[in-house]
Amino acid sequence: MTLLASEVILRPVISEKSLDQTRRGKYTFAVHDAASKQQIAAAVEELFKVGVVDVNVLTTKAKEKRRNTRRGRTVGRTTPWRKAIVTLKPGEKIEFFEGV
C-alpha cells in the first residue's frame, strides 16, 4: 500500500513516558495501521529532516469499557491504534517535541 508521509505519521504521542524517552533520542508517534517500519522511517526522515536508526512498532488492542448510567449499564469499546517508537541518530532531535 502506498502512503504519503503525512498519512503515515498521524500525530505525536505526548505522555510522561514518551517525553522522558525524548532525552534518549526516541520519539513516539501514532501511525497508520498499514504502515511498515520502512515506511515509518522514511516518513520521519522526510517530514522532520532527521536520520532514523531504528523503529519499534506496537499495536494496542481494543478494550471493552463499561459504564453505569441512569439507563443501565452501557458497554463500549476503545479503538485499536498503532504507535511507533523511532530512534534517531546520536545528536539529532526533533524541535517539535522540545517545546512540550
Protein backbone atom coordinates (compact mmCIF):
# COMPACT_ATOMS: atom_id res chain seq x y z
CA MET A 1 0.00 0.00 0.00
CA THR A 2 1.42 3.37 -1.00
CA LEU A 3 1.01 6.03 1.68
CA LEU A 4 2.22 9.61 1.75
CA ALA A 5 4.48 10.67 4.62
CA SER A 6 1.70 12.83 6.06
CA GLU A 7 -0.65 9.81 6.00
CA VAL A 8 1.84 7.51 7.74
CA ILE A 9 2.52 9.77 10.75
CA LEU A 10 -0.85 10.66 12.28
CA ARG A 11 0.20 12.58 15.42
CA PRO A 12 2.85 12.59 18.14
CA VAL A 13 2.12 10.69 21.34
CA ILE A 14 2.53 13.05 24.28
CA SER A 15 2.80 11.17 27.58
CA GLU A 16 5.12 11.20 30.56
CA LYS A 17 6.96 8.13 29.33
CA SER A 18 7.31 9.32 25.73
CA LEU A 19 8.61 12.73 26.83
CA ASP A 20 11.16 11.01 29.07
CA GLN A 21 12.36 8.94 26.10
CA THR A 22 12.99 12.06 24.01
CA ARG A 23 16.08 12.70 26.16
CA ARG A 24 17.47 9.42 24.82
CA GLY A 25 16.65 10.28 21.20
CA LYS A 26 13.47 8.18 20.99
CA TYR A 27 10.28 9.80 19.71
CA THR A 28 6.79 8.26 19.77
CA PHE A 29 4.16 8.72 17.04
CA ALA A 30 0.70 7.33 16.33
CA VAL A 31 0.94 5.78 12.86
CA HIS A 32 -1.32 4.36 10.15
CA ASP A 33 -2.39 0.73 10.70
CA ALA A 34 -0.98 -0.47 7.38
CA ALA A 35 2.38 1.35 7.56
CA SER A 36 5.53 -0.76 7.64
CA LYS A 37 8.69 0.04 9.61
CA GLN A 38 10.43 1.13 6.41
CA GLN A 39 7.57 3.50 5.51
CA ILE A 40 7.57 4.96 9.04
CA ALA A 41 11.34 5.56 8.94
CA ALA A 42 11.11 7.20 5.50
CA ALA A 43 8.19 9.40 6.62
CA VAL A 44 10.02 10.65 9.73
CA GLU A 45 13.15 11.39 7.69
CA GLU A 46 11.10 13.27 5.08
CA LEU A 47 8.89 15.26 7.46
CA PHE A 48 11.44 16.19 10.13
CA LYS A 49 14.74 16.08 8.14
CA VAL A 50 16.50 13.76 10.62
CA GLY A 51 18.25 10.39 10.38
CA VAL A 52 16.47 7.30 11.72
CA VAL A 53 18.43 4.43 13.29
CA ASP A 54 15.63 2.12 14.49
CA VAL A 55 11.83 1.79 14.51
CA ASN A 56 9.82 -0.24 17.03
CA VAL A 57 6.09 -0.70 16.38
CA LEU A 58 3.35 -1.58 18.90
CA THR A 59 -0.33 -2.26 18.23
CA THR A 60 -2.70 -1.64 21.13
CA LYS A 61 -5.78 -3.83 21.19
CA ALA A 62 -9.34 -2.58 21.56
CA LYS A 63 -10.61 -2.76 25.12
CA GLU A 64 -14.16 -3.12 26.35
CA LYS A 65 -15.29 -0.34 28.67
CA ARG A 66 -18.37 -0.49 30.91
CA ARG A 67 -20.18 2.43 32.46
CA ASN A 68 -23.19 2.50 34.76
CA THR A 69 -25.65 5.21 33.75
CA ARG A 70 -29.22 6.11 34.69
CA ARG A 71 -30.44 3.96 31.83
CA GLY A 72 -28.47 0.96 32.99
CA ARG A 73 -25.10 -0.45 32.08
CA THR A 74 -23.57 0.77 28.82
CA VAL A 75 -20.86 -1.21 27.08
CA GLY A 76 -18.48 0.32 24.56
CA ARG A 77 -15.09 -0.33 23.02
CA THR A 78 -11.95 1.74 22.62
CA THR A 79 -10.40 1.91 19.18
CA PRO A 80 -7.29 -0.12 18.43
CA TRP A 81 -4.34 2.01 17.34
CA ARG A 82 -0.72 1.63 16.39
CA LYS A 83 2.29 3.55 17.62
CA ALA A 84 5.91 3.68 16.57
CA ILE A 85 8.94 4.49 18.72
CA VAL A 86 11.56 5.99 16.41
CA THR A 87 15.23 6.18 17.46
CA LEU A 88 17.21 8.99 15.84
CA LYS A 89 20.92 9.21 15.07
CA PRO A 90 23.01 10.49 18.01
CA GLY A 91 22.98 14.27 18.32
CA GLU A 92 19.80 14.79 16.27
CA LYS A 93 16.47 15.90 17.69
CA ILE A 94 13.01 16.91 16.55
CA GLU A 95 12.29 20.51 17.51
CA PHE A 96 8.52 19.85 17.66
CA PHE A 97 8.94 17.91 20.93
CA GLU A 98 11.32 20.39 22.58
CA GLY A 99 8.61 22.93 23.47
CA VAL A 100 6.31 20.41 25.18
